[in-house]
Amino acid sequence: MKVRPSVKILQSQGLGSRRDCENIFWNSEIFRNGIQIDPEIDEISMGETLLIDGKTFEITQYKYVLMHKPAGYETSHLPSHNPSVFDLLPKHYMKRGLQAAGRLDVDTTGLLLFSDDGQFIHRLISGKVGTKQEVEKIYEVTGARPFTELQLNRLLGGVDLDDEPEIIYASQASLLPDGKLELGITTGKYHQVKRMVAAVGNHVEALHRRVVGPYELPADLAPASYIEVDPSPILNRGSAKTA
């Protein structure tokens, strides 16, 4: 028996095996624009929003997710000593192969991006979204002591880190009123922010990522919550498609 295209589409969304999705298609209540589909004559298409047994599903080729990562979670499918950030996402996201675009340490909070689109992940991790266009990451850093203008200037002027062949520069740095530091970087070295701060004579007590490239953590997005985002600022920048 030939598999219906709609069943393949449901399966691509991580909703289960082919048999599971055949059962969903033929036996679940599926509504599109408030009208229940008839599996005998209707088909499901990419780009549609469906209500399946009371739950809303955006039918898309890929997923692009922005999470407010809380402290105490590892960015790993196989965490060692703490729960995984992937436990905070719906199971059907995981079944379709969502991966994190880079990592945040277990004690670091803030913006973390996920997708099952390899091109999107690669551009974020490589730090390049087009010719000479870098993905800047901006952190709010709480130090063991208030940061000083001297430390800020040293970060902007470049610091020498152990095991790194070249000087590492902050892309931007500014002092915040409460003695914290806002620090931007465009490279992704191991524990880079913590090592940069240590190199200028301070110690990171808390680290919060606020911005990755064109994406900024919404002020009203609670820790452990997530939203879907538009990938075009990353996928279209630096390409012939850019207007």
C-alpha atoms as a PDB file:
ATOM      1  CA  MET A   1       0.000   0.000   0.000  1.00  0.00           C
ATOM      2  CA  LYS A   2       1.396   3.392  -1.031  1.00  0.00           C
ATOM      3  CA  VAL A   3       2.169   5.753   1.868  1.00  0.00           C
ATOM      4  CA  ARG A   4       0.165   8.962   1.714  1.00  0.00           C
ATOM      5  CA  PRO A   5       2.249  12.174   1.389  1.00  0.00           C
ATOM      6  CA  SER A   6       0.511  13.509   4.497  1.00  0.00           C
ATOM      7  CA  VAL A   7       1.790  10.575   6.548  1.00  0.00           C
ATOM      8  CA  LYS A   8       5.362  11.272   5.401  1.00  0.00           C
ATOM      9  CA  ILE A   9       4.961  14.941   6.339  1.00  0.00           C
ATOM     10  CA  LEU A  10       3.663  14.070   9.807  1.00  0.00           C
ATOM     11  CA  GLN A  11       6.574  11.688  10.284  1.00  0.00           C
ATOM     12  CA  SER A  12       9.036  14.430   9.243  1.00  0.00           C
ATOM     13  CA  GLN A  13       7.692  16.542  12.119  1.00  0.00           C
ATOM     14  CA  GLY A  14       8.871  13.998  14.679  1.00  0.00           C
ATOM     15  CA  LEU A  15       5.369  12.796  15.534  1.00  0.00           C
ATOM     16  CA  GLY A  16       6.337   9.131  15.527  1.00  0.00           C
ATOM     17  CA  SER A  17       6.986   6.148  13.302  1.00  0.00           C
ATOM     18  CA  ARG A  18       5.250   5.705   9.974  1.00  0.00           C
ATOM     19  CA  ARG A  19       2.656   3.511  11.666  1.00  0.00           C
ATOM     20  CA  ASP A  20       2.139   6.126  14.401  1.00  0.00           C
ATOM     21  CA  CYS A  21       1.650   8.838  11.800  1.00  0.00           C
ATOM     22  CA  GLU A  22      -0.723   6.712   9.745  1.00  0.00           C
ATOM     23  CA  ASN A  23      -2.806   6.323  12.889  1.00  0.00           C
ATOM     24  CA  ILE A  24      -2.691  10.085  13.511  1.00  0.00           C
ATOM     25  CA  PHE A  25      -3.695  10.895   9.952  1.00  0.00           C
ATOM     26  CA  TRP A  26      -6.574   8.430   9.758  1.00  0.00           C
ATOM     27  CA  ASN A  27      -7.878   8.444  13.324  1.00  0.00           C
ATOM     28  CA  SER A  28      -7.038  11.775  14.984  1.00  0.00           C
ATOM     29  CA  GLU A  29      -9.096  14.951  14.774  1.00  0.00           C
ATOM     30  CA  ILE A  30      -7.025  17.261  12.553  1.00  0.00           C
ATOM     31  CA  PHE A  31      -8.206  20.795  11.891  1.00  0.00           C
ATOM     32  CA  ARG A  32      -6.846  23.290   9.353  1.00  0.00           C
ATOM     33  CA  ASN A  33      -8.172  26.855   9.515  1.00  0.00           C
ATOM     34  CA  GLY A  34     -10.952  25.655  11.788  1.00  0.00           C
ATOM     35  CA  ILE A  35     -12.128  22.982   9.363  1.00  0.00           C
ATOM     36  CA  GLN A  36     -11.583  19.292  10.056  1.00  0.00           C
ATOM     37  CA  ILE A  37      -9.691  17.568   7.277  1.00  0.00           C
ATOM     38  CA  ASP A  38     -11.083  14.468   5.635  1.00  0.00           C
ATOM     39  CA  PRO A  39      -8.278  11.891   5.238  1.00  0.00           C
ATOM     40  CA  GLU A  40     -10.145  10.316   2.351  1.00  0.00           C
ATOM     41  CA  ILE A  41      -9.741  13.415   0.150  1.00  0.00           C
ATOM     42  CA  ASP A  42      -7.486  15.978   1.898  1.00  0.00           C
ATOM     43  CA  GLU A  43      -3.708  16.220   2.154  1.00  0.00           C
ATOM     44  CA  ILE A  44      -1.437  18.067   4.584  1.00  0.00           C
ATOM     45  CA  SER A  45       1.153  20.493   3.226  1.00  0.00           C
ATOM     46  CA  MET A  46       4.311  22.154   4.539  1.00  0.00           C
ATOM     47  CA  GLY A  47       3.728  25.622   5.959  1.00  0.00           C
ATOM     48  CA  GLU A  48       0.319  24.838   7.403  1.00  0.00           C
ATOM     49  CA  THR A  49      -0.755  25.228  11.012  1.00  0.00           C
ATOM     50  CA  LEU A  50      -2.727  22.235  12.227  1.00  0.00           C
ATOM     51  CA  LEU A  51      -4.682  21.470  15.357  1.00  0.00           C
ATOM     52  CA  ILE A  52      -4.183  17.761  16.071  1.00  0.00           C
ATOM     53  CA  ASP A  53      -6.240  16.365  18.951  1.00  0.00           C
ATOM     54  CA  GLY A  54      -6.302  19.823  20.515  1.00  0.00           C
ATOM     55  CA  LYS A  55      -2.564  20.586  20.115  1.00  0.00           C
ATOM     56  CA  THR A  56      -1.178  23.130  17.654  1.00  0.00           C
ATOM     57  CA  PHE A  57       1.576  22.098  15.250  1.00  0.00           C
ATOM     58  CA  GLU A  58       3.436  24.300  12.751  1.00  0.00           C
ATOM     59  CA  ILE A  59       4.265  22.047   9.801  1.00  0.00           C
ATOM     60  CA  THR A  60       7.708  23.191   8.647  1.00  0.00           C
ATOM     61  CA  GLN A  61      10.684  21.713   6.832  1.00  0.00           C
ATOM     62  CA  TYR A  62      12.988  22.857   9.651  1.00  0.00           C
ATOM     63  CA  LYS A  63      12.658  24.193  13.178  1.00  0.00           C
ATOM     64  CA  TYR A  64      14.539  27.196  14.543  1.00  0.00           C
ATOM     65  CA  VAL A  65      14.255  27.591  18.293  1.00  0.00           C
ATOM     66  CA  LEU A  66      15.525  30.212  20.748  1.00  0.00           C
ATOM     67  CA  MET A  67      15.651  29.156  24.413  1.00  0.00           C
ATOM     68  CA  HIS A  68      16.304  31.075  27.612  1.00  0.00           C
ATOM     69  CA  LYS A  69      18.686  28.537  29.121  1.00  0.00           C
ATOM     70  CA  PRO A  70      18.534  28.342  32.916  1.00  0.00           C
ATOM     71  CA  ALA A  71      21.489  27.555  35.157  1.00  0.00           C
ATOM     72  CA  GLY A  72      22.017  23.929  36.124  1.00  0.00           C
ATOM     73  CA  TYR A  73      21.440  22.403  32.666  1.00  0.00           C
ATOM     74  CA  GLU A  74      24.018  20.835  30.362  1.00  0.00           C
ATOM     75  CA  THR A  75      24.012  21.486  26.609  1.00  0.00           C
ATOM     76  CA  SER A  76      24.285  17.793  25.795  1.00  0.00           C
ATOM     77  CA  HIS A  77      22.136  14.872  24.717  1.00  0.00           C
ATOM     78  CA  LEU A  78      24.139  12.761  27.190  1.00  0.00           C
ATOM     79  CA  PRO A  79      24.601  14.950  30.287  1.00  0.00           C
ATOM     80  CA  SER A  80      27.053  13.888  32.978  1.00  0.00           C
ATOM     81  CA  HIS A  81      25.820  15.291  36.280  1.00  0.00           C
ATOM     82  CA  ASN A  82      22.888  17.594  35.473  1.00  0.00           C
ATOM     83  CA  PRO A  83      19.690  17.547  33.429  1.00  0.00           C
ATOM     84  CA  SER A  84      19.908  18.321  29.721  1.00  0.00           C
ATOM     85  CA  VAL A  85      18.576  21.441  28.003  1.00  0.00           C
ATOM     86  CA  PHE A  86      16.974  19.047  25.525  1.00  0.00           C
ATOM     87  CA  ASP A  87      14.682  17.847  28.329  1.00  0.00           C
ATOM     88  CA  LEU A  88      13.085  21.321  28.200  1.00  0.00           C
ATOM     89  CA  LEU A  89      11.960  20.874  24.580  1.00  0.00           C
ATOM     90  CA  PRO A  90       8.978  18.870  23.254  1.00  0.00           C
ATOM     91  CA  LYS A  91       9.721  15.258  22.379  1.00  0.00           C
ATOM     92  CA  HIS A  92       8.652  15.726  18.760  1.00  0.00           C
ATOM     93  CA  TYR A  93      11.370  18.392  18.372  1.00  0.00           C
ATOM     94  CA  MET A  94      13.942  15.862  19.527  1.00  0.00           C
ATOM     95  CA  LYS A  95      12.631  13.132  17.244  1.00  0.00           C
ATOM     96  CA  ARG A  96      13.199  15.353  14.232  1.00  0.00           C
ATOM     97  CA  GLY A  97      16.856  15.825  15.215  1.00  0.00           C
ATOM     98  CA  LEU A  98      17.151  19.257  16.803  1.00  0.00           C
ATOM     99  CA  GLN A  99      20.721  20.195  17.731  1.00  0.00           C
ATOM    100  CA  ALA A 100      22.138  23.097  19.736  1.00  0.00           C
ATOM    101  CA  ALA A 101      24.132  25.750  17.877  1.00  0.00           C
ATOM    102  CA  GLY A 102      27.132  25.664  20.189  1.00  0.00           C
ATOM    103  CA  ARG A 103      27.100  25.208  23.943  1.00  0.00           C
ATOM    104  CA  LEU A 104      26.621  27.140  27.138  1.00  0.00           C
ATOM    105  CA  ASP A 105      28.314  25.923  30.325  1.00  0.00           C
ATOM    106  CA  VAL A 106      26.098  24.376  32.975  1.00  0.00           C
ATOM    107  CA  ASP A 107      26.264  27.545  35.111  1.00  0.00           C
ATOM    108  CA  THR A 108      25.825  29.968  32.181  1.00  0.00           C
ATOM    109  CA  THR A 109      22.352  31.328  31.421  1.00  0.00           C
ATOM    110  CA  GLY A 110      20.752  33.061  28.485  1.00  0.00           C
ATOM    111  CA  LEU A 111      20.226  32.719  24.764  1.00  0.00           C
ATOM    112  CA  LEU A 112      20.712  29.298  23.197  1.00  0.00           C
ATOM    113  CA  LEU A 113      19.666  28.434  19.637  1.00  0.00           C
ATOM    114  CA  PHE A 114      18.583  25.064  18.247  1.00  0.00           C
ATOM    115  CA  SER A 115      17.716  23.752  14.798  1.00  0.00           C
ATOM    116  CA  ASP A 116      17.560  20.685  12.591  1.00  0.00           C
ATOM    117  CA  ASP A 117      18.843  22.769   9.650  1.00  0.00           C
ATOM    118  CA  GLY A 118      22.537  21.961   9.228  1.00  0.00           C
ATOM    119  CA  GLN A 119      23.306  25.111   7.226  1.00  0.00           C
ATOM    120  CA  PHE A 120      21.847  27.338   9.944  1.00  0.00           C
ATOM    121  CA  ILE A 121      23.801  25.513  12.671  1.00  0.00           C
ATOM    122  CA  HIS A 122      27.038  25.687  10.661  1.00  0.00           C
ATOM    123  CA  ARG A 123      26.796  29.424  10.063  1.00  0.00           C
ATOM    124  CA  LEU A 124      26.200  30.115  13.735  1.00  0.00           C
ATOM    125  CA  ILE A 125      28.975  27.833  14.977  1.00  0.00           C
ATOM    126  CA  SER A 126      31.529  28.891  12.352  1.00  0.00           C
ATOM    127  CA  GLY A 127      30.842  32.530  13.159  1.00  0.00           C
ATOM    128  CA  LYS A 128      30.317  33.462   9.516  1.00  0.00           C
ATOM    129  CA  VAL A 129      27.021  34.299   7.828  1.00  0.00           C
ATOM    130  CA  GLY A 130      28.507  35.781   4.688  1.00  0.00           C
ATOM    131  CA  THR A 131      31.630  37.505   3.422  1.00  0.00           C
ATOM    132  CA  LYS A 132      33.261  39.399   6.319  1.00  0.00           C
ATOM    133  CA  GLN A 133      30.076  39.157   8.371  1.00  0.00           C
ATOM    134  CA  GLU A 134      30.656  37.652  11.787  1.00  0.00           C
ATOM    135  CA  VAL A 135      28.212  36.330  14.367  1.00  0.00           C
ATOM    136  CA  GLU A 136      28.779  38.403  17.480  1.00  0.00           C
ATOM    137  CA  LYS A 137      27.826  37.019  20.880  1.00  0.00           C
ATOM    138  CA  ILE A 138      27.189  39.489  23.713  1.00  0.00           C
ATOM    139  CA  TYR A 139      27.403  38.505  27.372  1.00  0.00           C
ATOM    140  CA  GLU A 140      26.581  40.169  30.657  1.00  0.00           C
ATOM    141  CA  VAL A 141      29.424  39.292  33.004  1.00  0.00           C
ATOM    142  CA  THR A 142      29.336  39.476  36.792  1.00  0.00           C
ATOM    143  CA  GLY A 143      32.835  39.509  38.223  1.00  0.00           C
ATOM    144  CA  ALA A 144      34.199  38.653  41.658  1.00  0.00           C
ATOM    145  CA  ARG A 145      34.951  42.397  41.855  1.00  0.00           C
ATOM    146  CA  PRO A 146      33.476  45.349  39.934  1.00  0.00           C
ATOM    147  CA  PHE A 147      35.067  45.722  36.530  1.00  0.00           C
ATOM    148  CA  THR A 148      37.304  48.715  35.844  1.00  0.00           C
ATOM    149  CA  GLU A 149      38.047  50.905  32.834  1.00  0.00           C
ATOM    150  CA  LEU A 150      41.556  49.454  32.781  1.00  0.00           C
ATOM    151  CA  GLN A 151      40.202  45.898  32.488  1.00  0.00           C
ATOM    152  CA  LEU A 152      37.773  47.008  29.774  1.00  0.00           C
ATOM    153  CA  ASN A 153      40.564  48.617  27.751  1.00  0.00           C
ATOM    154  CA  ARG A 154      42.754  45.542  28.088  1.00  0.00           C
ATOM    155  CA  LEU A 155      39.949  43.344  26.758  1.00  0.00           C
ATOM    156  CA  LEU A 156      39.439  45.648  23.789  1.00  0.00           C
ATOM    157  CA  GLY A 157      43.199  45.803  23.199  1.00  0.00           C
ATOM    158  CA  GLY A 158      43.509  42.014  23.173  1.00  0.00           C
ATOM    159  CA  VAL A 159      44.623  39.407  25.693  1.00  0.00           C
ATOM    160  CA  ASP A 160      47.021  36.492  25.411  1.00  0.00           C
ATOM    161  CA  LEU A 161      45.371  33.223  26.421  1.00  0.00           C
ATOM    162  CA  ASP A 162      47.212  29.982  27.125  1.00  0.00           C
ATOM    163  CA  ASP A 163      47.188  27.527  24.209  1.00  0.00           C
ATOM    164  CA  GLU A 164      45.883  30.157  21.760  1.00  0.00           C
ATOM    165  CA  PRO A 165      48.262  31.049  18.890  1.00  0.00           C
ATOM    166  CA  GLU A 166      46.974  34.609  18.501  1.00  0.00           C
ATOM    167  CA  ILE A 167      45.801  37.523  20.608  1.00  0.00           C
ATOM    168  CA  ILE A 168      42.076  37.375  21.467  1.00  0.00           C
ATOM    169  CA  TYR A 169      40.097  40.606  21.249  1.00  0.00           C
ATOM    170  CA  ALA A 170      36.712  41.641  22.573  1.00  0.00           C
ATOM    171  CA  SER A 171      34.517  42.904  19.723  1.00  0.00           C
ATOM    172  CA  GLN A 172      32.975  45.362  22.184  1.00  0.00           C
ATOM    173  CA  ALA A 173      33.056  46.012  25.905  1.00  0.00           C
ATOM    174  CA  SER A 174      31.282  48.451  28.195  1.00  0.00           C
ATOM    175  CA  LEU A 175      30.866  48.907  31.921  1.00  0.00           C
ATOM    176  CA  LEU A 176      27.365  48.549  33.328  1.00  0.00           C
ATOM    177  CA  PRO A 177      26.131  50.738  36.206  1.00  0.00           C
ATOM    178  CA  ASP A 178      26.193  47.874  38.733  1.00  0.00           C
ATOM    179  CA  GLY A 179      29.857  47.040  38.161  1.00  0.00           C
ATOM    180  CA  LYS A 180      29.115  44.301  35.656  1.00  0.00           C
ATOM    181  CA  LEU A 181      30.603  44.088  32.179  1.00  0.00           C
ATOM    182  CA  GLU A 182      28.907  43.774  28.803  1.00  0.00           C
ATOM    183  CA  LEU A 183      31.315  41.870  26.568  1.00  0.00           C
ATOM    184  CA  GLY A 184      31.089  40.960  22.890  1.00  0.00           C
ATOM    185  CA  ILE A 185      33.095  38.252  21.125  1.00  0.00           C
ATOM    186  CA  THR A 186      33.117  36.900  17.569  1.00  0.00           C
ATOM    187  CA  THR A 187      35.155  33.749  18.181  1.00  0.00           C
ATOM    188  CA  GLY A 188      34.246  30.625  20.122  1.00  0.00           C
ATOM    189  CA  LYS A 189      37.282  29.432  22.036  1.00  0.00           C
ATOM    190  CA  TYR A 190      36.947  27.019  24.954  1.00  0.00           C
ATOM    191  CA  HIS A 191      35.630  28.911  28.022  1.00  0.00           C
ATOM    192  CA  GLN A 192      36.616  32.071  26.173  1.00  0.00           C
ATOM    193  CA  VAL A 193      34.841  34.713  28.245  1.00  0.00           C
ATOM    194  CA  LYS A 194      35.950  33.191  31.537  1.00  0.00           C
ATOM    195  CA  ARG A 195      39.550  32.966  30.331  1.00  0.00           C
ATOM    196  CA  MET A 196      39.526  36.529  28.971  1.00  0.00           C
ATOM    197  CA  VAL A 197      38.211  37.875  32.267  1.00  0.00           C
ATOM    198  CA  ALA A 198      40.831  35.901  34.206  1.00  0.00           C
ATOM    199  CA  ALA A 199      43.538  37.307  31.922  1.00  0.00           C
ATOM    200  CA  VAL A 200      42.706  40.865  33.041  1.00  0.00           C
ATOM    201  CA  GLY A 201      42.722  39.989  36.734  1.00  0.00           C
ATOM    202  CA  ASN A 202      39.089  39.269  37.540  1.00  0.00           C
ATOM    203  CA  HIS A 203      36.975  36.122  37.920  1.00  0.00           C
ATOM    204  CA  VAL A 204      33.562  35.318  36.420  1.00  0.00           C
ATOM    205  CA  GLU A 205      30.944  34.761  39.103  1.00  0.00           C
ATOM    206  CA  ALA A 206      27.962  34.699  36.730  1.00  0.00           C
ATOM    207  CA  LEU A 207      27.622  34.698  32.949  1.00  0.00           C
ATOM    208  CA  HIS A 208      24.510  35.494  30.926  1.00  0.00           C
ATOM    209  CA  ARG A 209      24.347  35.497  27.108  1.00  0.00           C
ATOM    210  CA  ARG A 210      21.981  38.129  25.786  1.00  0.00           C
ATOM    211  CA  VAL A 211      22.675  38.258  22.036  1.00  0.00           C
ATOM    212  CA  VAL A 212      23.795  35.874  19.281  1.00  0.00           C
ATOM    213  CA  GLY A 213      24.156  37.625  15.935  1.00  0.00           C
ATOM    214  CA  PRO A 214      20.760  39.075  14.966  1.00  0.00           C
ATOM    215  CA  TYR A 215      18.943  37.318  17.827  1.00  0.00           C
ATOM    216  CA  GLU A 216      18.376  38.979  21.188  1.00  0.00           C
ATOM    217  CA  LEU A 217      16.902  37.247  24.223  1.00  0.00           C
ATOM    218  CA  PRO A 218      13.382  38.648  24.743  1.00  0.00           C
ATOM    219  CA  ALA A 219      13.062  40.386  28.101  1.00  0.00           C
ATOM    220  CA  ASP A 220       9.784  38.582  28.790  1.00  0.00           C
ATOM    221  CA  LEU A 221      11.015  35.062  27.937  1.00  0.00           C
ATOM    222  CA  ALA A 222      11.249  33.196  31.237  1.00  0.00           C
ATOM    223  CA  PRO A 223      14.122  30.806  32.005  1.00  0.00           C
ATOM    224  CA  ALA A 224      13.493  27.307  30.560  1.00  0.00           C
ATOM    225  CA  SER A 225      11.059  28.783  28.015  1.00  0.00           C
ATOM    226  CA  TYR A 226      11.526  28.890  24.241  1.00  0.00           C
ATOM    227  CA  ILE A 227      10.125  30.422  21.077  1.00  0.00           C
ATOM    228  CA  GLU A 228      10.483  29.695  17.364  1.00  0.00           C
ATOM    229  CA  VAL A 229      12.430  32.287  15.359  1.00  0.00           C
ATOM    230  CA  ASP A 230      12.930  33.371  11.749  1.00  0.00           C
ATOM    231  CA  PRO A 231      16.170  31.955  10.257  1.00  0.00           C
ATOM    232  CA  SER A 232      16.419  34.447   7.389  1.00  0.00           C
ATOM    233  CA  PRO A 233      18.713  36.945   9.209  1.00  0.00           C
ATOM    234  CA  ILE A 234      21.349  34.176   9.277  1.00  0.00           C
ATOM    235  CA  LEU A 235      20.578  32.267   6.081  1.00  0.00           C
ATOM    236  CA  ASN A 236      20.091  35.302   3.834  1.00  0.00           C
ATOM    237  CA  ARG A 237      22.831  37.669   5.030  1.00  0.00           C
ATOM    238  CA  GLY A 238      25.792  37.841   2.715  1.00  0.00           C
ATOM    239  CA  SER A 239      23.980  35.936  -0.026  1.00  0.00           C
ATOM    240  CA  ALA A 240      22.712  36.983  -3.410  1.00  0.00           C
ATOM    241  CA  LYS A 241      19.201  36.848  -1.979  1.00  0.00           C
ATOM    242  CA  THR A 242      19.843  39.758   0.330  1.00  0.00           C
ATOM    243  CA  ALA A 243      17.929  42.845  -0.775  1.00  0.00           C
END
